[in-house]
Amino acid sequence: ENCGKLVELTPETQGKLAYVHRNLWNNNFYVSDTVIECSST
């Protein structure tokens, strides 16, 4: 919303898989943090 940069994540392979890191990075975006909860059953 600030600078207008845009990235479109579209599937590139069979199985509808879109490459997140590669597409984000090449278009001036990146994943900076993830929160994953793990628990043993």
Full PDB file with SEQRES, HELIX, SHEET, SSBOND, CRYST1, ORIGX, SCALE, CONECT and MASTER records, all heavy atoms in Angstrom:
SEQRES   1 A   41  GLU ASN CYS GLY LYS LEU VAL GLU LEU THR PRO GLU THR          
SEQRES   2 A   41  GLN GLY LYS LEU ALA TYR VAL HIS ARG ASN LEU TRP ASN          
SEQRES   3 A   41  ASN ASN PHE TYR VAL SER ASP THR VAL ILE GLU CYS SER          
SEQRES   4 A   41  SER THR                                                      
HELIX    1 AA1 VAL A   20  ASN A   26  1                                   7    
CRYST1    1.000    1.000    1.000  90.00  90.00  90.00 P 1           1          
ORIGX1      1.000000  0.000000  0.000000        0.00000                         
ORIGX2      0.000000  1.000000  0.000000        0.00000                         
ORIGX3      0.000000  0.000000  1.000000        0.00000                         
SCALE1      1.000000  0.000000  0.000000        0.00000                         
SCALE2      0.000000  1.000000  0.000000        0.00000                         
SCALE3      0.000000  0.000000  1.000000        0.00000                         
ATOM      1  N   GLU A   1       0.814  -1.218   0.000  1.00  0.00           N  
ATOM      2  CA  GLU A   1       0.000   0.000   0.000  1.00  0.00           C  
ATOM      3  C   GLU A   1       0.846   1.265   0.000  1.00  0.00           C  
ATOM      4  O   GLU A   1       0.391   2.312  -0.451  1.00  0.00           O  
ATOM      5  CB  GLU A   1      -0.921   0.020   1.222  1.00  0.00           C  
ATOM      6  CG  GLU A   1      -1.968  -1.062   1.204  1.00  0.00           C  
ATOM      7  CD  GLU A   1      -2.770  -1.101   2.482  1.00  0.00           C  
ATOM      8  OE1 GLU A   1      -2.181  -1.019   3.573  1.00  0.00           O  
ATOM      9  OE2 GLU A   1      -4.007  -1.214   2.378  1.00  0.00           O  
ATOM     10  N   ASN A   2       2.089   1.167   0.498  1.00  0.00           N  
ATOM     11  CA  ASN A   2       2.949   2.365   0.566  1.00  0.00           C  
ATOM     12  C   ASN A   2       3.605   2.697  -0.761  1.00  0.00           C  
ATOM     13  O   ASN A   2       3.557   3.834  -1.214  1.00  0.00           O  
ATOM     14  CB  ASN A   2       4.035   2.187   1.627  1.00  0.00           C  
ATOM     15  CG  ASN A   2       3.471   2.248   3.028  1.00  0.00           C  
ATOM     16  OD1 ASN A   2       2.333   2.611   3.251  1.00  0.00           O  
ATOM     17  ND2 ASN A   2       4.293   1.866   3.989  1.00  0.00           N  
ATOM     18  N   CYS A   3       4.269   1.711  -1.386  1.00  0.00           N  
ATOM     19  CA  CYS A   3       5.065   2.015  -2.588  1.00  0.00           C  
ATOM     20  C   CYS A   3       4.491   1.418  -3.871  1.00  0.00           C  
ATOM     21  O   CYS A   3       4.998   1.699  -4.957  1.00  0.00           O  
ATOM     22  CB  CYS A   3       6.502   1.543  -2.398  1.00  0.00           C  
ATOM     23  SG  CYS A   3       6.700  -0.243  -2.308  1.00  0.00           S  
ATOM     24  N   GLY A   4       3.449   0.602  -3.764  1.00  0.00           N  
ATOM     25  CA  GLY A   4       2.799   0.076  -4.952  1.00  0.00           C  
ATOM     26  C   GLY A   4       3.435  -1.161  -5.566  1.00  0.00           C  
ATOM     27  O   GLY A   4       2.974  -1.642  -6.596  1.00  0.00           O  
ATOM     28  N   LYS A   5       4.518  -1.677  -4.966  1.00  0.00           N  
ATOM     29  CA  LYS A   5       5.132  -2.907  -5.488  1.00  0.00           C  
ATOM     30  C   LYS A   5       4.096  -4.024  -5.450  1.00  0.00           C  
ATOM     31  O   LYS A   5       3.257  -4.090  -4.550  1.00  0.00           O  
ATOM     32  CB  LYS A   5       6.354  -3.304  -4.662  1.00  0.00           C  
ATOM     33  CG  LYS A   5       7.524  -2.382  -4.820  1.00  0.00           C  
ATOM     34  CD  LYS A   5       8.128  -2.537  -6.188  1.00  0.00           C  
ATOM     35  CE  LYS A   5       9.334  -1.629  -6.331  1.00  0.00           C  
ATOM     36  NZ  LYS A   5       9.897  -1.669  -7.652  1.00  0.00           N  
ATOM     37  N   LEU A   6       4.166  -4.920  -6.425  1.00  0.00           N  
ATOM     38  CA  LEU A   6       3.183  -5.979  -6.554  1.00  0.00           C  
ATOM     39  C   LEU A   6       3.883  -7.288  -6.884  1.00  0.00           C  
ATOM     40  O   LEU A   6       4.849  -7.302  -7.644  1.00  0.00           O  
ATOM     41  CB  LEU A   6       2.206  -5.632  -7.672  1.00  0.00           C  
ATOM     42  CG  LEU A   6       1.183  -6.701  -8.037  1.00  0.00           C  
ATOM     43  CD1 LEU A   6      -0.193  -6.090  -8.117  1.00  0.00           C  
ATOM     44  CD2 LEU A   6       1.542  -7.363  -9.348  1.00  0.00           C  
ATOM     45  N   VAL A   7       3.393  -8.372  -6.305  1.00  0.00           N  
ATOM     46  CA  VAL A   7       3.845  -9.705  -6.683  1.00  0.00           C  
ATOM     47  C   VAL A   7       2.606 -10.585  -6.804  1.00  0.00           C  
ATOM     48  O   VAL A   7       1.637 -10.429  -6.066  1.00  0.00           O  
ATOM     49  CB  VAL A   7       4.851 -10.302  -5.677  1.00  0.00           C  
ATOM     50  CG1 VAL A   7       4.239 -10.501  -4.306  1.00  0.00           C  
ATOM     51  CG2 VAL A   7       5.414 -11.612  -6.191  1.00  0.00           C  
ATOM     52  N   GLU A   8       2.647 -11.456  -7.780  1.00  0.00           N  
ATOM     53  CA  GLU A   8       1.543 -12.387  -8.005  1.00  0.00           C  
ATOM     54  C   GLU A   8       2.087 -13.803  -7.859  1.00  0.00           C  
ATOM     55  O   GLU A   8       3.019 -14.187  -8.560  1.00  0.00           O  
ATOM     56  CB  GLU A   8       0.972 -12.164  -9.402  1.00  0.00           C  
ATOM     57  CG  GLU A   8      -0.268 -12.961  -9.678  1.00  0.00           C  
ATOM     58  CD  GLU A   8      -0.888 -12.557 -10.998  1.00  0.00           C  
ATOM     59  OE1 GLU A   8      -1.594 -11.530 -11.021  1.00  0.00           O  
ATOM     60  OE2 GLU A   8      -0.655 -13.245 -11.996  1.00  0.00           O  
ATOM     61  N   LEU A   9       1.542 -14.546  -6.915  1.00  0.00           N  
ATOM     62  CA  LEU A   9       1.938 -15.933  -6.701  1.00  0.00           C  
ATOM     63  C   LEU A   9       0.979 -16.817  -7.487  1.00  0.00           C  
ATOM     64  O   LEU A   9      -0.203 -16.903  -7.165  1.00  0.00           O  
ATOM     65  CB  LEU A   9       1.895 -16.288  -5.216  1.00  0.00           C  
ATOM     66  CG  LEU A   9       2.766 -15.429  -4.302  1.00  0.00           C  
ATOM     67  CD1 LEU A   9       2.560 -15.830  -2.849  1.00  0.00           C  
ATOM     68  CD2 LEU A   9       4.222 -15.522  -4.690  1.00  0.00           C  
ATOM     69  N   THR A  10       1.494 -17.415  -8.556  1.00  0.00           N  
ATOM     70  CA  THR A  10       0.687 -18.283  -9.409  1.00  0.00           C  
ATOM     71  C   THR A  10       1.357 -19.644  -9.507  1.00  0.00           C  
ATOM     72  O   THR A  10       2.585 -19.740  -9.487  1.00  0.00           O  
ATOM     73  CB  THR A  10       0.526 -17.694 -10.818  1.00  0.00           C  
ATOM     74  OG1 THR A  10       1.820 -17.460 -11.377  1.00  0.00           O  
ATOM     75  CG2 THR A  10      -0.245 -16.392 -10.792  1.00  0.00           C  
ATOM     76  N   PRO A  11       0.581 -20.706  -9.633  1.00  0.00           N  
ATOM     77  CA  PRO A  11       1.167 -22.047  -9.764  1.00  0.00           C  
ATOM     78  C   PRO A  11       2.024 -22.150 -11.022  1.00  0.00           C  
ATOM     79  O   PRO A  11       1.651 -21.663 -12.081  1.00  0.00           O  
ATOM     80  CB  PRO A  11      -0.050 -22.964  -9.860  1.00  0.00           C  
ATOM     81  CG  PRO A  11      -1.160 -22.195  -9.262  1.00  0.00           C  
ATOM     82  CD  PRO A  11      -0.879 -20.761  -9.565  1.00  0.00           C  
ATOM     83  N   GLU A  12       3.200 -22.787 -10.872  1.00  0.00           N  
ATOM     84  CA  GLU A  12       4.111 -22.960 -11.999  1.00  0.00           C  
ATOM     85  C   GLU A  12       4.310 -24.424 -12.353  1.00  0.00           C  
ATOM     86  O   GLU A  12       4.997 -24.727 -13.323  1.00  0.00           O  
ATOM     87  CB  GLU A  12       5.466 -22.336 -11.669  1.00  0.00           C  
ATOM     88  CG  GLU A  12       5.396 -20.840 -11.446  1.00  0.00           C  
ATOM     89  CD  GLU A  12       6.748 -20.255 -11.095  1.00  0.00           C  
ATOM     90  OE1 GLU A  12       7.776 -20.901 -11.346  1.00  0.00           O  
ATOM     91  OE2 GLU A  12       6.763 -19.139 -10.573  1.00  0.00           O  
ATOM     92  N   THR A  13       3.757 -25.328 -11.581  1.00  0.00           N  
ATOM     93  CA  THR A  13       3.965 -26.755 -11.816  1.00  0.00           C  
ATOM     94  C   THR A  13       2.645 -27.494 -11.711  1.00  0.00           C  
ATOM     95  O   THR A  13       1.641 -26.948 -11.253  1.00  0.00           O  
ATOM     96  CB  THR A  13       4.920 -27.364 -10.768  1.00  0.00           C  
ATOM     97  OG1 THR A  13       4.298 -27.293  -9.484  1.00  0.00           O  
ATOM     98  CG2 THR A  13       6.249 -26.650 -10.742  1.00  0.00           C  
ATOM     99  N   GLN A  14       2.674 -28.738 -12.125  1.00  0.00           N  
ATOM    100  CA  GLN A  14       1.501 -29.580 -11.918  1.00  0.00           C  
ATOM    101  C   GLN A  14       1.293 -29.725 -10.420  1.00  0.00           C  
ATOM    102  O   GLN A  14       2.239 -29.721  -9.651  1.00  0.00           O  
ATOM    103  CB  GLN A  14       1.707 -30.945 -12.544  1.00  0.00           C  
ATOM    104  CG  GLN A  14       1.749 -30.914 -14.044  1.00  0.00           C  
ATOM    105  CD  GLN A  14       1.932 -32.303 -14.628  1.00  0.00           C  
ATOM    106  OE1 GLN A  14       2.274 -33.239 -13.951  1.00  0.00           O  
ATOM    107  NE2 GLN A  14       1.702 -32.398 -15.924  1.00  0.00           N  
ATOM    108  N   GLY A  15       0.069 -29.855 -10.001  1.00  0.00           N  
ATOM    109  CA  GLY A  15      -0.230 -29.959  -8.585  1.00  0.00           C  
ATOM    110  C   GLY A  15      -0.503 -28.614  -7.948  1.00  0.00           C  
ATOM    111  O   GLY A  15      -0.652 -28.493  -6.748  1.00  0.00           O  
ATOM    112  N   LYS A  16      -0.527 -27.558  -8.768  1.00  0.00           N  
ATOM    113  CA  LYS A  16      -0.872 -26.212  -8.312  1.00  0.00           C  
ATOM    114  C   LYS A  16       0.109 -25.643  -7.291  1.00  0.00           C  
ATOM    115  O   LYS A  16      -0.273 -24.975  -6.344  1.00  0.00           O  
ATOM    116  CB  LYS A  16      -2.297 -26.189  -7.727  1.00  0.00           C  
ATOM    117  CG  LYS A  16      -3.358 -26.757  -8.625  1.00  0.00           C  
ATOM    118  CD  LYS A  16      -3.661 -25.832  -9.759  1.00  0.00           C  
ATOM    119  CE  LYS A  16      -4.828 -26.391 -10.564  1.00  0.00           C  
ATOM    120  NZ  LYS A  16      -5.184 -25.556 -11.664  1.00  0.00           N  
ATOM    121  N   LEU A  17       1.426 -25.922  -7.449  1.00  0.00           N  
ATOM    122  CA  LEU A  17       2.442 -25.435  -6.528  1.00  0.00           C  
ATOM    123  C   LEU A  17       2.983 -24.082  -6.974  1.00  0.00           C  
ATOM    124  O   LEU A  17       3.394 -23.912  -8.118  1.00  0.00           O  
ATOM    125  CB  LEU A  17       3.600 -26.428  -6.427  1.00  0.00           C  
ATOM    126  CG  LEU A  17       3.240 -27.831  -5.944  1.00  0.00           C  
ATOM    127  CD1 LEU A  17       4.464 -28.734  -6.003  1.00  0.00           C  
ATOM    128  CD2 LEU A  17       2.659 -27.798  -4.557  1.00  0.00           C  
ATOM    129  N   ALA A  18       2.979 -23.105  -6.072  1.00  0.00           N  
ATOM    130  CA  ALA A  18       3.547 -21.784  -6.343  1.00  0.00           C  
ATOM    131  C   ALA A  18       4.788 -21.610  -5.471  1.00  0.00           C  
ATOM    132  O   ALA A  18       4.754 -21.905  -4.284  1.00  0.00           O  
ATOM    133  CB  ALA A  18       2.532 -20.689  -6.033  1.00  0.00           C  
ATOM    134  N   TYR A  19       5.870 -21.154  -6.078  1.00  0.00           N  
ATOM    135  CA  TYR A  19       7.122 -20.966  -5.350  1.00  0.00           C  
ATOM    136  C   TYR A  19       7.100 -19.622  -4.632  1.00  0.00           C  
ATOM    137  O   TYR A  19       7.217 -18.567  -5.249  1.00  0.00           O  
ATOM    138  CB  TYR A  19       8.305 -21.055  -6.306  1.00  0.00           C  
ATOM    139  CG  TYR A  19       8.400 -22.400  -6.962  1.00  0.00           C  
ATOM    140  CD1 TYR A  19       8.038 -22.571  -8.288  1.00  0.00           C  
ATOM    141  CD2 TYR A  19       8.822 -23.510  -6.238  1.00  0.00           C  
ATOM    142  CE1 TYR A  19       8.114 -23.817  -8.890  1.00  0.00           C  
ATOM    143  CE2 TYR A  19       8.888 -24.761  -6.822  1.00  0.00           C  
ATOM    144  CZ  TYR A  19       8.538 -24.903  -8.151  1.00  0.00           C  
ATOM    145  OH  TYR A  19       8.603 -26.130  -8.736  1.00  0.00           O  
ATOM    146  N   VAL A  20       6.952 -19.642  -3.315  1.00  0.00           N  
ATOM    147  CA  VAL A  20       6.768 -18.419  -2.538  1.00  0.00           C  
ATOM    148  C   VAL A  20       8.061 -17.624  -2.430  1.00  0.00           C  
ATOM    149  O   VAL A  20       8.115 -16.464  -2.830  1.00  0.00           O  
ATOM    150  CB  VAL A  20       6.203 -18.739  -1.132  1.00  0.00           C  
ATOM    151  CG1 VAL A  20       6.126 -17.494  -0.274  1.00  0.00           C  
ATOM    152  CG2 VAL A  20       4.833 -19.381  -1.261  1.00  0.00           C  
ATOM    153  N   HIS A  21       9.123 -18.220  -1.880  1.00  0.00           N  
ATOM    154  CA  HIS A  21      10.354 -17.457  -1.627  1.00  0.00           C  
ATOM    155  C   HIS A  21      10.920 -16.844  -2.905  1.00  0.00           C  
ATOM    156  O   HIS A  21      11.228 -15.657  -2.947  1.00  0.00           O  
ATOM    157  CB  HIS A  21      11.410 -18.344  -0.951  1.00  0.00           C  
ATOM    158  CG  HIS A  21      12.711 -17.634  -0.746  1.00  0.00           C  
ATOM    159  ND1 HIS A  21      12.887 -16.702   0.244  1.00  0.00           N  
ATOM    160  CD2 HIS A  21      13.880 -17.686  -1.435  1.00  0.00           C  
ATOM    161  CE1 HIS A  21      14.116 -16.214   0.170  1.00  0.00           C  
ATOM    162  NE2 HIS A  21      14.741 -16.796  -0.833  1.00  0.00           N  
ATOM    163  N   ARG A  22      11.060 -17.649  -3.934  1.00  0.00           N  
ATOM    164  CA  ARG A  22      11.642 -17.176  -5.201  1.00  0.00           C  
ATOM    165  C   ARG A  22      10.820 -16.024  -5.785  1.00  0.00           C  
ATOM    166  O   ARG A  22      11.367 -15.001  -6.189  1.00  0.00           O  
ATOM    167  CB  ARG A  22      11.695 -18.331  -6.194  1.00  0.00           C  
ATOM    168  CG  ARG A  22      12.296 -17.963  -7.521  1.00  0.00           C  
ATOM    169  CD  ARG A  22      12.262 -19.098  -8.527  1.00  0.00           C  
ATOM    170  NE  ARG A  22      12.374 -20.414  -7.910  1.00  0.00           N  
ATOM    171  CZ  ARG A  22      12.000 -21.533  -8.489  1.00  0.00           C  
ATOM    172  NH1 ARG A  22      11.499 -21.510  -9.706  1.00  0.00           N  
ATOM    173  NH2 ARG A  22      12.118 -22.679  -7.887  1.00  0.00           N  
ATOM    174  N   ASN A  23       9.508 -16.177  -5.836  1.00  0.00           N  
ATOM    175  CA  ASN A  23       8.660 -15.138  -6.418  1.00  0.00           C  
ATOM    176  C   ASN A  23       8.626 -13.875  -5.571  1.00  0.00           C  
ATOM    177  O   ASN A  23       8.643 -12.763  -6.102  1.00  0.00           O  
ATOM    178  CB  ASN A  23       7.247 -15.667  -6.648  1.00  0.00           C  
ATOM    179  CG  ASN A  23       7.184 -16.625  -7.809  1.00  0.00           C  
ATOM    180  OD1 ASN A  23       7.917 -16.492  -8.776  1.00  0.00           O  
ATOM    181  ND2 ASN A  23       6.318 -17.606  -7.715  1.00  0.00           N  
ATOM    182  N   LEU A  24       8.573 -14.032  -4.249  1.00  0.00           N  
ATOM    183  CA  LEU A  24       8.580 -12.850  -3.391  1.00  0.00           C  
ATOM    184  C   LEU A  24       9.887 -12.093  -3.536  1.00  0.00           C  
ATOM    185  O   LEU A  24       9.901 -10.882  -3.752  1.00  0.00           O  
ATOM    186  CB  LEU A  24       8.361 -13.243  -1.925  1.00  0.00           C  
ATOM    187  CG  LEU A  24       6.966 -13.733  -1.542  1.00  0.00           C  
ATOM    188  CD1 LEU A  24       6.941 -14.134  -0.079  1.00  0.00           C  
ATOM    189  CD2 LEU A  24       5.913 -12.684  -1.818  1.00  0.00           C  
ATOM    190  N   TRP A  25      11.015 -12.803  -3.407  1.00  0.00           N  
ATOM    191  CA  TRP A  25      12.333 -12.151  -3.433  1.00  0.00           C  
ATOM    192  C   TRP A  25      12.578 -11.443  -4.760  1.00  0.00           C  
ATOM    193  O   TRP A  25      13.089 -10.317  -4.787  1.00  0.00           O  
ATOM    194  CB  TRP A  25      13.432 -13.179  -3.161  1.00  0.00           C  
ATOM    195  CG  TRP A  25      14.769 -12.531  -2.985  1.00  0.00           C  
ATOM    196  CD1 TRP A  25      15.764 -12.446  -3.916  1.00  0.00           C  
ATOM    197  CD2 TRP A  25      15.236 -11.837  -1.831  1.00  0.00           C  
ATOM    198  NE1 TRP A  25      16.837 -11.756  -3.403  1.00  0.00           N  
ATOM    199  CE2 TRP A  25      16.538 -11.370  -2.121  1.00  0.00           C  
ATOM    200  CE3 TRP A  25      14.685 -11.568  -0.588  1.00  0.00           C  
ATOM    201  CZ2 TRP A  25      17.292 -10.648  -1.203  1.00  0.00           C  
ATOM    202  CZ3 TRP A  25      15.444 -10.856   0.323  1.00  0.00           C  
ATOM    203  CH2 TRP A  25      16.730 -10.401   0.007  1.00  0.00           C  
ATOM    204  N   ASN A  26      12.210 -12.062  -5.854  1.00  0.00           N  
ATOM    205  CA  ASN A  26      12.431 -11.459  -7.169  1.00  0.00           C  
ATOM    206  C   ASN A  26      11.550 -10.241  -7.411  1.00  0.00           C  
ATOM    207  O   ASN A  26      11.763  -9.502  -8.369  1.00  0.00           O  
ATOM    208  CB  ASN A  26      12.197 -12.485  -8.280  1.00  0.00           C  
ATOM    209  CG  ASN A  26      13.284 -13.534  -8.318  1.00  0.00           C  
ATOM    210  OD1 ASN A  26      14.371 -13.346  -7.791  1.00  0.00           O  
ATOM    211  ND2 ASN A  26      12.985 -14.660  -8.937  1.00  0.00           N  
ATOM    212  N   ASN A  27      10.565 -10.023  -6.564  1.00  0.00           N  
ATOM    213  CA  ASN A  27       9.643  -8.892  -6.727  1.00  0.00           C  
ATOM    214  C   ASN A  27       9.650  -7.962  -5.516  1.00  0.00           C  
ATOM    215  O   ASN A  27       8.656  -7.314  -5.203  1.00  0.00           O  
ATOM    216  CB  ASN A  27       8.235  -9.409  -6.990  1.00  0.00           C  
ATOM    217  CG  ASN A  27       8.130 -10.054  -8.346  1.00  0.00           C  
ATOM    218  OD1 ASN A  27       8.044  -9.374  -9.356  1.00  0.00           O  
ATOM    219  ND2 ASN A  27       8.178 -11.376  -8.388  1.00  0.00           N  
ATOM    220  N   ASN A  28      10.804  -7.891  -4.823  1.00  0.00           N  
ATOM    221  CA  ASN A  28      11.018  -6.956  -3.708  1.00  0.00           C  
ATOM    222  C   ASN A  28      10.199  -7.244  -2.457  1.00  0.00           C  
ATOM    223  O   ASN A  28       9.883  -6.329  -1.700  1.00  0.00           O  
ATOM    224  CB  ASN A  28      10.800  -5.504  -4.150  1.00  0.00           C  
ATOM    225  CG  ASN A  28      11.900  -5.032  -5.074  1.00  0.00           C  
ATOM    226  OD1 ASN A  28      13.074  -5.270  -4.818  1.00  0.00           O  
ATOM    227  ND2 ASN A  28      11.525  -4.392  -6.163  1.00  0.00           N  
ATOM    228  N   PHE A  29       9.882  -8.504  -2.217  1.00  0.00           N  
ATOM    229  CA  PHE A  29       9.233  -8.908  -0.980  1.00  0.00           C  
ATOM    230  C   PHE A  29      10.024 -10.072  -0.379  1.00  0.00           C  
ATOM    231  O   PHE A  29      10.809 -10.716  -1.075  1.00  0.00           O  
ATOM    232  CB  PHE A  29       7.798  -9.383  -1.243  1.00  0.00           C  
ATOM    233  CG  PHE A  29       6.864  -8.298  -1.680  1.00  0.00           C  
ATOM    234  CD1 PHE A  29       6.677  -8.038  -3.030  1.00  0.00           C  
ATOM    235  CD2 PHE A  29       6.155  -7.556  -0.755  1.00  0.00           C  
ATOM    236  CE1 PHE A  29       5.805  -7.054  -3.456  1.00  0.00           C  
ATOM    237  CE2 PHE A  29       5.284  -6.560  -1.171  1.00  0.00           C  
ATOM    238  CZ  PHE A  29       5.098  -6.310  -2.522  1.00  0.00           C  
ATOM    239  N   TYR A  30       9.802 -10.363   0.889  1.00  0.00           N  
ATOM    240  CA  TYR A  30      10.404 -11.540   1.507  1.00  0.00           C  
ATOM    241  C   TYR A  30       9.625 -11.942   2.754  1.00  0.00           C  
ATOM    242  O   TYR A  30       8.933 -11.118   3.354  1.00  0.00           O  
ATOM    243  CB  TYR A  30      11.883 -11.313   1.845  1.00  0.00           C  
ATOM    244  CG  TYR A  30      12.140 -10.244   2.890  1.00  0.00           C  
ATOM    245  CD1 TYR A  30      12.353 -10.592   4.219  1.00  0.00           C  
ATOM    246  CD2 TYR A  30      12.186  -8.899   2.541  1.00  0.00           C  
ATOM    247  CE1 TYR A  30      12.598  -9.622   5.175  1.00  0.00           C  
ATOM    248  CE2 TYR A  30      12.431  -7.926   3.486  1.00  0.00           C  
ATOM    249  CZ  TYR A  30      12.646  -8.288   4.803  1.00  0.00           C  
ATOM    250  OH  TYR A  30      12.873  -7.326   5.751  1.00  0.00           O  
ATOM    251  N   VAL A  31       9.717 -13.211   3.105  1.00  0.00           N  
ATOM    252  CA  VAL A  31       9.120 -13.711   4.344  1.00  0.00           C  
ATOM    253  C   VAL A  31      10.147 -13.473   5.435  1.00  0.00           C  
ATOM    254  O   VAL A  31      11.244 -14.033   5.403  1.00  0.00           O  
ATOM    255  CB  VAL A  31       8.764 -15.212   4.248  1.00  0.00           C  
ATOM    256  CG1 VAL A  31       8.285 -15.727   5.596  1.00  0.00           C  
ATOM    257  CG2 VAL A  31       7.722 -15.440   3.177  1.00  0.00           C  
ATOM    258  N   SER A  32       9.819 -12.615   6.409  1.00  0.00           N  
ATOM    259  CA  SER A  32      10.788 -12.264   7.442  1.00  0.00           C  
ATOM    260  C   SER A  32      10.588 -13.049   8.728  1.00  0.00           C  
ATOM    261  O   SER A  32      11.493 -13.127   9.548  1.00  0.00           O  
ATOM    262  CB  SER A  32      10.729 -10.766   7.759  1.00  0.00           C  
ATOM    263  OG  SER A  32       9.496 -10.442   8.362  1.00  0.00           O  
ATOM    264  N   ASP A  33       9.407 -13.635   8.914  1.00  0.00           N  
ATOM    265  CA  ASP A  33       9.160 -14.340  10.166  1.00  0.00           C  
ATOM    266  C   ASP A  33       8.030 -15.348   9.987  1.00  0.00           C  
ATOM    267  O   ASP A  33       7.078 -15.092   9.247  1.00  0.00           O  
ATOM    268  CB  ASP A  33       8.779 -13.345  11.266  1.00  0.00           C  
ATOM    269  CG  ASP A  33       8.778 -13.964  12.652  1.00  0.00           C  
ATOM    270  OD1 ASP A  33       9.525 -14.938  12.874  1.00  0.00           O  
ATOM    271  OD2 ASP A  33       8.044 -13.465  13.512  1.00  0.00           O  
ATOM    272  N   THR A  34       8.171 -16.470  10.644  1.00  0.00           N  
ATOM    273  CA  THR A  34       7.108 -17.464  10.702  1.00  0.00           C  
ATOM    274  C   THR A  34       6.969 -17.918  12.144  1.00  0.00           C  
ATOM    275  O   THR A  34       7.954 -17.961  12.886  1.00  0.00           O  
ATOM    276  CB  THR A  34       7.399 -18.703   9.826  1.00  0.00           C  
ATOM    277  OG1 THR A  34       8.629 -19.271  10.239  1.00  0.00           O  
ATOM    278  CG2 THR A  34       7.458 -18.360   8.363  1.00  0.00           C  
ATOM    279  N   VAL A  35       5.760 -18.228  12.537  1.00  0.00           N  
ATOM    280  CA  VAL A  35       5.501 -18.791  13.862  1.00  0.00           C  
ATOM    281  C   VAL A  35       4.863 -20.149  13.648  1.00  0.00           C  
ATOM    282  O   VAL A  35       3.755 -20.246  13.115  1.00  0.00           O  
ATOM    283  CB  VAL A  35       4.580 -17.879  14.708  1.00  0.00           C  
ATOM    284  CG1 VAL A  35       4.259 -18.536  16.040  1.00  0.00           C  
ATOM    285  CG2 VAL A  35       5.211 -16.515  14.909  1.00  0.00           C  
ATOM    286  N   ILE A  36       5.607 -21.198  14.013  1.00  0.00           N  
ATOM    287  CA  ILE A  36       5.130 -22.562  13.861  1.00  0.00           C  
ATOM    288  C   ILE A  36       5.056 -23.200  15.239  1.00  0.00           C  
ATOM    289  O   ILE A  36       6.040 -23.206  15.977  1.00  0.00           O  
ATOM    290  CB  ILE A  36       6.063 -23.382  12.944  1.00  0.00           C  
ATOM    291  CG1 ILE A  36       6.124 -22.735  11.558  1.00  0.00           C  
ATOM    292  CG2 ILE A  36       5.591 -24.832  12.861  1.00  0.00           C  
ATOM    293  CD1 ILE A  36       7.147 -23.352  10.640  1.00  0.00           C  
ATOM    294  N   GLU A  37       3.897 -23.705  15.582  1.00  0.00           N  
ATOM    295  CA  GLU A  37       3.695 -24.379  16.864  1.00  0.00           C  
ATOM    296  C   GLU A  37       3.890 -25.878  16.666  1.00  0.00           C  
ATOM    297  O   GLU A  37       3.307 -26.475  15.764  1.00  0.00           O  
ATOM    298  CB  GLU A  37       2.274 -24.103  17.359  1.00  0.00           C  
ATOM    299  CG  GLU A  37       1.920 -24.756  18.660  1.00  0.00           C  
ATOM    300  CD  GLU A  37       0.475 -24.481  19.039  1.00  0.00           C  
ATOM    301  OE1 GLU A  37      -0.048 -23.402  18.704  1.00  0.00           O  
ATOM    302  OE2 GLU A  37      -0.141 -25.364  19.649  1.00  0.00           O  
ATOM    303  N   CYS A  38       4.749 -26.476  17.484  1.00  0.00           N  
ATOM    304  CA  CYS A  38       5.006 -27.913  17.414  1.00  0.00           C  
ATOM    305  C   CYS A  38       4.662 -28.554  18.746  1.00  0.00           C  
ATOM    306  O   CYS A  38       4.955 -28.002  19.796  1.00  0.00           O  
ATOM    307  CB  CYS A  38       6.479 -28.189  17.113  1.00  0.00           C  
ATOM    308  SG  CYS A  38       7.021 -27.600  15.529  1.00  0.00           S  
ATOM    309  N   SER A  39       4.046 -29.704  18.682  1.00  0.00           N  
ATOM    310  CA  SER A  39       3.752 -30.435  19.905  1.00  0.00           C  
ATOM    311  C   SER A  39       3.810 -31.930  19.622  1.00  0.00           C  
ATOM    312  O   SER A  39       3.456 -32.390  18.547  1.00  0.00           O  
ATOM    313  CB  SER A  39       2.380 -30.051  20.462  1.00  0.00           C  
ATOM    314  OG  SER A  39       1.371 -30.394  19.542  1.00  0.00           O  
ATOM    315  N   SER A  40       4.274 -32.663  20.617  1.00  0.00           N  
ATOM    316  CA  SER A  40       4.358 -34.114  20.505  1.00  0.00           C  
ATOM    317  C   SER A  40       3.085 -34.716  21.076  1.00  0.00           C  
ATOM    318  O   SER A  40       2.602 -34.302  22.122  1.00  0.00           O  
ATOM    319  CB  SER A  40       5.569 -34.634  21.270  1.00  0.00           C  
ATOM    320  OG  SER A  40       5.553 -36.033  21.293  1.00  0.00           O  
ATOM    321  N   THR A  41       2.540 -35.701  20.380  1.00  0.00           N  
ATOM    322  CA  THR A  41       1.307 -36.332  20.851  1.00  0.00           C  
ATOM    323  C   THR A  41       1.587 -37.535  21.737  1.00  0.00           C  
ATOM    324  O   THR A  41       0.667 -38.137  22.259  1.00  0.00           O  
ATOM    325  CB  THR A  41       0.438 -36.785  19.662  1.00  0.00           C  
ATOM    326  OG1 THR A  41       1.196 -37.664  18.850  1.00  0.00           O  
ATOM    327  CG2 THR A  41      -0.019 -35.591  18.854  1.00  0.00           C  
TER     328      THR A  41                                                      
MASTER        0    0    0    1    0    0    0    6  327    1    0    4          
END                                                                             
